[in-house]
Amino acid sequence: MTATLTGLRPDVVFALLGTIRARARRERAETGRDAGYEAVDYGLTMMLLAAARACGSEPRFVYLSAIGVQEGTTNPYLAVRARVEAALREGGLPYTIARPSFITGPDRDEFRPAERVGAWLVDGVLSGLAHLGSARLRERYGSMTNVVLAEALVRVALEPGMAGRVVESEELRRQGAAALSARPRSLPA
């Protein structure tokens, strides 16, 4: 990774790494290797971060974290992300941390039934609460499509004012929607 990034000298590095429990179990059963949160979500992200630090161009490191990350959590998924966020804050590179809620979309590379059901249920409850006056909750915790998230990540990566910031779900949704609405009509979404 270091050799590749040194050759490319990027301005931005996107760290969008992660696994799911089902894939980790499958990998462990097939190969005996650990491909869980510690190995993939933390280990590979830290390898990428080290390569970005060593490449010489001081790229902005855009890290896809998750809503609800906080120090001291006992949730293994969120705990790994909290450790990566702490490593980013400890220095070495400019960074932006993105914390989306559920990520949805019909063209996701991987079928994640629990995530889809969770997003559907949460979006339904939040929609009902929005009708009762709690639209802010829907903005904060509602799902967003992978396309909206991708647009938002590119936008926050290129915005100088986003360096050193944690960008929460509602701001990601606004950034992504703004980027999509600014596209010329002839380009596909």
Foldseek 3Di string as FASTA:
>chain_A
DLVVCLVVLDQEDEAPKADDPVVQVVCCVVPVDGPHCCCIVQVVSVVVVVSCLNSPNQHEYEYEAAPPADPPDPPSRSNSSVVVVVVVVVDRHWYFYEHAAQEDDPPDPDDDPVSVVVLVVVLVVQVVVVVVPPVVSCLQHHYYYPQLQVQLSVQLSPDPVRTPYYHGHNNSNVSSVVSVVPDDPVDDD
